[in-house]
Amino acid sequence: MFAVIKIRGTVTARGEIIDTLRMLRLHRKHHCVLVPDNPSFRGMLQKAKDYITWGEINDEILKELIRKRGRKPGDRRLSPEEADAVFKAVKSDGPAVLKKMGIKPVFRLTPPSGGFKKSIKQHFPKGELGYRGEKINELLERMI
């Protein structure tokens, strides 16, 4: 399972990239979604690589993300029991279960504490964009 974060705005982006970001439900900067690791999503991530960053999320960060940033409709927080149930369901059935459980599939994050690197527009490891593997957990920890 991948965690995908939108880093850049799309004012000057081509229409097909904007459509891809819309399909990924990434409408604003610093929004995060969880997507399964399959070829169709990999193609979407590759197409939007100049506007997003992604990597494999670990269990500890996933649990913290759901507990602190998971929301029900009406912008209501999850109780600790609900957060644990959602975490177990996402681990066993994948990220598609969020919508079935009545949880918003988009996690709104803050800008990272300590800021981004100097060049956001370059790809990882020189900049912030693109695939970063396990290092996505460090960025998510700073943004939660």
C-alpha atoms as a PDB file:
ATOM      1  CA  MET A   1       0.000   0.000   0.000  1.00  0.00           C
ATOM      2  CA  PHE A   2       1.284   3.452  -0.935  1.00  0.00           C
ATOM      3  CA  ALA A   3       0.806   6.787   0.810  1.00  0.00           C
ATOM      4  CA  VAL A   4       0.572   9.563  -1.800  1.00  0.00           C
ATOM      5  CA  ILE A   5       0.987  13.257  -0.894  1.00  0.00           C
ATOM      6  CA  LYS A   6       0.377  16.190  -3.212  1.00  0.00           C
ATOM      7  CA  ILE A   7       3.305  18.604  -2.885  1.00  0.00           C
ATOM      8  CA  ARG A   8       2.834  21.169  -5.664  1.00  0.00           C
ATOM      9  CA  GLY A   9      -0.113  23.164  -6.938  1.00  0.00           C
ATOM     10  CA  THR A  10      -1.458  22.596 -10.453  1.00  0.00           C
ATOM     11  CA  VAL A  11      -1.964  26.103 -11.841  1.00  0.00           C
ATOM     12  CA  THR A  12       0.185  25.499 -14.936  1.00  0.00           C
ATOM     13  CA  ALA A  13      -0.317  21.715 -15.182  1.00  0.00           C
ATOM     14  CA  ARG A  14      -1.599  19.970 -18.306  1.00  0.00           C
ATOM     15  CA  GLY A  15      -5.209  18.793 -18.300  1.00  0.00           C
ATOM     16  CA  GLU A  16      -4.366  15.083 -18.260  1.00  0.00           C
ATOM     17  CA  ILE A  17      -2.259  15.512 -15.131  1.00  0.00           C
ATOM     18  CA  ILE A  18      -5.040  17.460 -13.413  1.00  0.00           C
ATOM     19  CA  ASP A  19      -7.465  14.650 -14.342  1.00  0.00           C
ATOM     20  CA  THR A  20      -5.081  12.047 -12.925  1.00  0.00           C
ATOM     21  CA  LEU A  21      -4.757  13.959  -9.651  1.00  0.00           C
ATOM     22  CA  ARG A  22      -8.546  14.277  -9.514  1.00  0.00           C
ATOM     23  CA  MET A  23      -8.887  10.490  -9.952  1.00  0.00           C
ATOM     24  CA  LEU A  24      -6.425  10.050  -7.085  1.00  0.00           C
ATOM     25  CA  ARG A  25      -8.606  12.448  -4.990  1.00  0.00           C
ATOM     26  CA  LEU A  26      -5.676  14.848  -4.539  1.00  0.00           C
ATOM     27  CA  HIS A  27      -7.378  18.225  -4.922  1.00  0.00           C
ATOM     28  CA  ARG A  28      -5.177  20.374  -2.657  1.00  0.00           C
ATOM     29  CA  LYS A  29      -1.583  20.633  -1.531  1.00  0.00           C
ATOM     30  CA  HIS A  30      -0.633  18.614   1.554  1.00  0.00           C
ATOM     31  CA  HIS A  31      -3.475  16.138   1.084  1.00  0.00           C
ATOM     32  CA  CYS A  32      -2.659  12.448   1.471  1.00  0.00           C
ATOM     33  CA  VAL A  33      -4.433   9.352   0.142  1.00  0.00           C
ATOM     34  CA  LEU A  34      -3.767   5.645   0.505  1.00  0.00           C
ATOM     35  CA  VAL A  35      -3.719   3.587  -2.706  1.00  0.00           C
ATOM     36  CA  PRO A  36      -3.108  -0.124  -3.322  1.00  0.00           C
ATOM     37  CA  ASP A  37       0.071  -1.251  -5.047  1.00  0.00           C
ATOM     38  CA  ASN A  38      -1.205  -2.394  -8.448  1.00  0.00           C
ATOM     39  CA  PRO A  39      -0.229  -1.572 -12.055  1.00  0.00           C
ATOM     40  CA  SER A  40      -3.079   0.857 -12.741  1.00  0.00           C
ATOM     41  CA  PHE A  41      -2.269   3.014  -9.722  1.00  0.00           C
ATOM     42  CA  ARG A  42       1.468   2.790 -10.475  1.00  0.00           C
ATOM     43  CA  GLY A  43       0.777   4.244 -13.927  1.00  0.00           C
ATOM     44  CA  MET A  44      -1.251   7.079 -12.404  1.00  0.00           C
ATOM     45  CA  LEU A  45       1.515   7.832  -9.913  1.00  0.00           C
ATOM     46  CA  GLN A  46       4.109   7.848 -12.677  1.00  0.00           C
ATOM     47  CA  LYS A  47       2.034  10.276 -14.751  1.00  0.00           C
ATOM     48  CA  ALA A  48       1.663  12.742 -11.839  1.00  0.00           C
ATOM     49  CA  LYS A  49       5.210  12.299 -10.496  1.00  0.00           C
ATOM     50  CA  ASP A  50       6.074  15.990 -10.952  1.00  0.00           C
ATOM     51  CA  TYR A  51       3.370  17.062  -8.473  1.00  0.00           C
ATOM     52  CA  ILE A  52       3.307  14.278  -5.853  1.00  0.00           C
ATOM     53  CA  THR A  53       5.512  12.123  -3.684  1.00  0.00           C
ATOM     54  CA  TRP A  54       4.751   8.537  -2.642  1.00  0.00           C
ATOM     55  CA  GLY A  55       6.146   5.477  -0.915  1.00  0.00           C
ATOM     56  CA  GLU A  56       5.313   2.419   1.169  1.00  0.00           C
ATOM     57  CA  ILE A  57       3.721   3.347   4.494  1.00  0.00           C
ATOM     58  CA  ASN A  58       4.573   1.310   7.599  1.00  0.00           C
ATOM     59  CA  ASP A  59       2.095   0.157  10.255  1.00  0.00           C
ATOM     60  CA  GLU A  60       3.164   2.608  12.971  1.00  0.00           C
ATOM     61  CA  ILE A  61       2.734   5.699  10.775  1.00  0.00           C
ATOM     62  CA  LEU A  62      -0.506   4.344   9.265  1.00  0.00           C
ATOM     63  CA  LYS A  63      -1.983   3.901  12.728  1.00  0.00           C
ATOM     64  CA  GLU A  64      -0.938   7.432  13.738  1.00  0.00           C
ATOM     65  CA  LEU A  65      -2.283   8.881  10.466  1.00  0.00           C
ATOM     66  CA  ILE A  66      -5.700   7.278  10.995  1.00  0.00           C
ATOM     67  CA  ARG A  67      -5.801   8.204  14.686  1.00  0.00           C
ATOM     68  CA  LYS A  68      -4.836  11.873  14.286  1.00  0.00           C
ATOM     69  CA  ARG A  69      -6.039  12.768  10.768  1.00  0.00           C
ATOM     70  CA  GLY A  70      -8.893  10.336  10.084  1.00  0.00           C
ATOM     71  CA  ARG A  71     -12.259  12.098   9.830  1.00  0.00           C
ATOM     72  CA  LYS A  72     -15.910  11.145   9.533  1.00  0.00           C
ATOM     73  CA  PRO A  73     -18.370  13.240   7.499  1.00  0.00           C
ATOM     74  CA  GLY A  74     -18.990  16.551   9.199  1.00  0.00           C
ATOM     75  CA  ASP A  75     -15.266  16.828  10.036  1.00  0.00           C
ATOM     76  CA  ARG A  76     -15.710  14.751  13.200  1.00  0.00           C
ATOM     77  CA  ARG A  77     -12.693  12.999  14.689  1.00  0.00           C
ATOM     78  CA  LEU A  78     -12.492   9.251  15.208  1.00  0.00           C
ATOM     79  CA  SER A  79     -12.667   7.831  18.720  1.00  0.00           C
ATOM     80  CA  PRO A  80      -9.720   5.611  19.744  1.00  0.00           C
ATOM     81  CA  GLU A  81     -11.873   2.483  19.328  1.00  0.00           C
ATOM     82  CA  GLU A  82     -12.991   3.554  15.862  1.00  0.00           C
ATOM     83  CA  ALA A  83      -9.403   4.367  14.863  1.00  0.00           C
ATOM     84  CA  ASP A  84      -8.237   0.891  15.912  1.00  0.00           C
ATOM     85  CA  ALA A  85     -11.082  -0.763  13.980  1.00  0.00           C
ATOM     86  CA  VAL A  86     -10.309   1.301  10.871  1.00  0.00           C
ATOM     87  CA  PHE A  87      -6.587   0.477  11.119  1.00  0.00           C
ATOM     88  CA  LYS A  88      -7.292  -3.274  11.323  1.00  0.00           C
ATOM     89  CA  ALA A  89      -9.722  -3.082   8.401  1.00  0.00           C
ATOM     90  CA  VAL A  90      -7.285  -1.128   6.218  1.00  0.00           C
ATOM     91  CA  LYS A  91      -4.466  -3.565   7.023  1.00  0.00           C
ATOM     92  CA  SER A  92      -6.573  -6.594   6.110  1.00  0.00           C
ATOM     93  CA  ASP A  93      -8.778  -5.319   3.233  1.00  0.00           C
ATOM     94  CA  GLY A  94      -6.822  -2.376   1.798  1.00  0.00           C
ATOM     95  CA  PRO A  95      -7.581   1.339   1.529  1.00  0.00           C
ATOM     96  CA  ALA A  96     -10.901   0.862  -0.346  1.00  0.00           C
ATOM     97  CA  VAL A  97     -12.526  -0.096   2.965  1.00  0.00           C
ATOM     98  CA  LEU A  98     -12.288   3.515   4.239  1.00  0.00           C
ATOM     99  CA  LYS A  99     -15.237   4.671   2.174  1.00  0.00           C
ATOM    100  CA  LYS A 100     -17.294   1.614   3.147  1.00  0.00           C
ATOM    101  CA  MET A 101     -16.713   2.385   6.835  1.00  0.00           C
ATOM    102  CA  GLY A 102     -17.841   5.986   6.436  1.00  0.00           C
ATOM    103  CA  ILE A 103     -14.344   7.477   6.803  1.00  0.00           C
ATOM    104  CA  LYS A 104     -13.121  10.216   4.463  1.00  0.00           C
ATOM    105  CA  PRO A 105     -10.481   8.742   2.101  1.00  0.00           C
ATOM    106  CA  VAL A 106      -8.382  11.945   2.096  1.00  0.00           C
ATOM    107  CA  PHE A 107      -6.156  12.908   5.028  1.00  0.00           C
ATOM    108  CA  ARG A 108      -5.479  16.638   5.383  1.00  0.00           C
ATOM    109  CA  LEU A 109      -1.905  17.205   6.575  1.00  0.00           C
ATOM    110  CA  THR A 110       0.053  20.243   7.733  1.00  0.00           C
ATOM    111  CA  PRO A 111       3.214  21.510   6.026  1.00  0.00           C
ATOM    112  CA  PRO A 112       6.200  19.521   7.345  1.00  0.00           C
ATOM    113  CA  SER A 113       7.816  20.755  10.528  1.00  0.00           C
ATOM    114  CA  GLY A 114      11.318  21.875   9.603  1.00  0.00           C
ATOM    115  CA  GLY A 115      10.092  22.633   6.093  1.00  0.00           C
ATOM    116  CA  PHE A 116      10.870  21.092   2.738  1.00  0.00           C
ATOM    117  CA  LYS A 117      14.312  20.934   1.170  1.00  0.00           C
ATOM    118  CA  LYS A 118      15.461  23.942  -0.821  1.00  0.00           C
ATOM    119  CA  SER A 119      14.383  22.533  -4.152  1.00  0.00           C
ATOM    120  CA  ILE A 120      10.879  21.113  -4.049  1.00  0.00           C
ATOM    121  CA  LYS A 121      10.737  20.814  -7.846  1.00  0.00           C
ATOM    122  CA  GLN A 122      13.546  18.235  -8.133  1.00  0.00           C
ATOM    123  CA  HIS A 123      12.981  14.534  -7.623  1.00  0.00           C
ATOM    124  CA  PHE A 124      13.933  12.626  -4.510  1.00  0.00           C
ATOM    125  CA  PRO A 125      16.698  12.433  -3.109  1.00  0.00           C
ATOM    126  CA  LYS A 126      17.752  15.905  -4.333  1.00  0.00           C
ATOM    127  CA  GLY A 127      14.270  17.366  -3.953  1.00  0.00           C
ATOM    128  CA  GLU A 128      10.862  16.342  -2.671  1.00  0.00           C
ATOM    129  CA  LEU A 129       8.956  14.908  -5.643  1.00  0.00           C
ATOM    130  CA  GLY A 130       8.566  11.343  -6.902  1.00  0.00           C
ATOM    131  CA  TYR A 131       9.001   7.908  -5.382  1.00  0.00           C
ATOM    132  CA  ARG A 132      10.793   7.805  -2.047  1.00  0.00           C
ATOM    133  CA  GLY A 133      10.138   4.269  -0.748  1.00  0.00           C
ATOM    134  CA  GLU A 134      10.323   3.901   3.030  1.00  0.00           C
ATOM    135  CA  LYS A 135      11.462   7.527   3.435  1.00  0.00           C
ATOM    136  CA  ILE A 136       7.815   8.612   2.992  1.00  0.00           C
ATOM    137  CA  ASN A 137       7.312   7.641   6.638  1.00  0.00           C
ATOM    138  CA  GLU A 138       9.765  10.331   7.804  1.00  0.00           C
ATOM    139  CA  LEU A 139       7.922  12.996   5.785  1.00  0.00           C
ATOM    140  CA  LEU A 140       4.515  11.808   6.999  1.00  0.00           C
ATOM    141  CA  GLU A 141       5.691  11.889  10.601  1.00  0.00           C
ATOM    142  CA  ARG A 142       6.663  15.553  10.169  1.00  0.00           C
ATOM    143  CA  MET A 143       3.359  16.375   8.478  1.00  0.00           C
ATOM    144  CA  ILE A 144       0.962  14.630  10.887  1.00  0.00           C
END
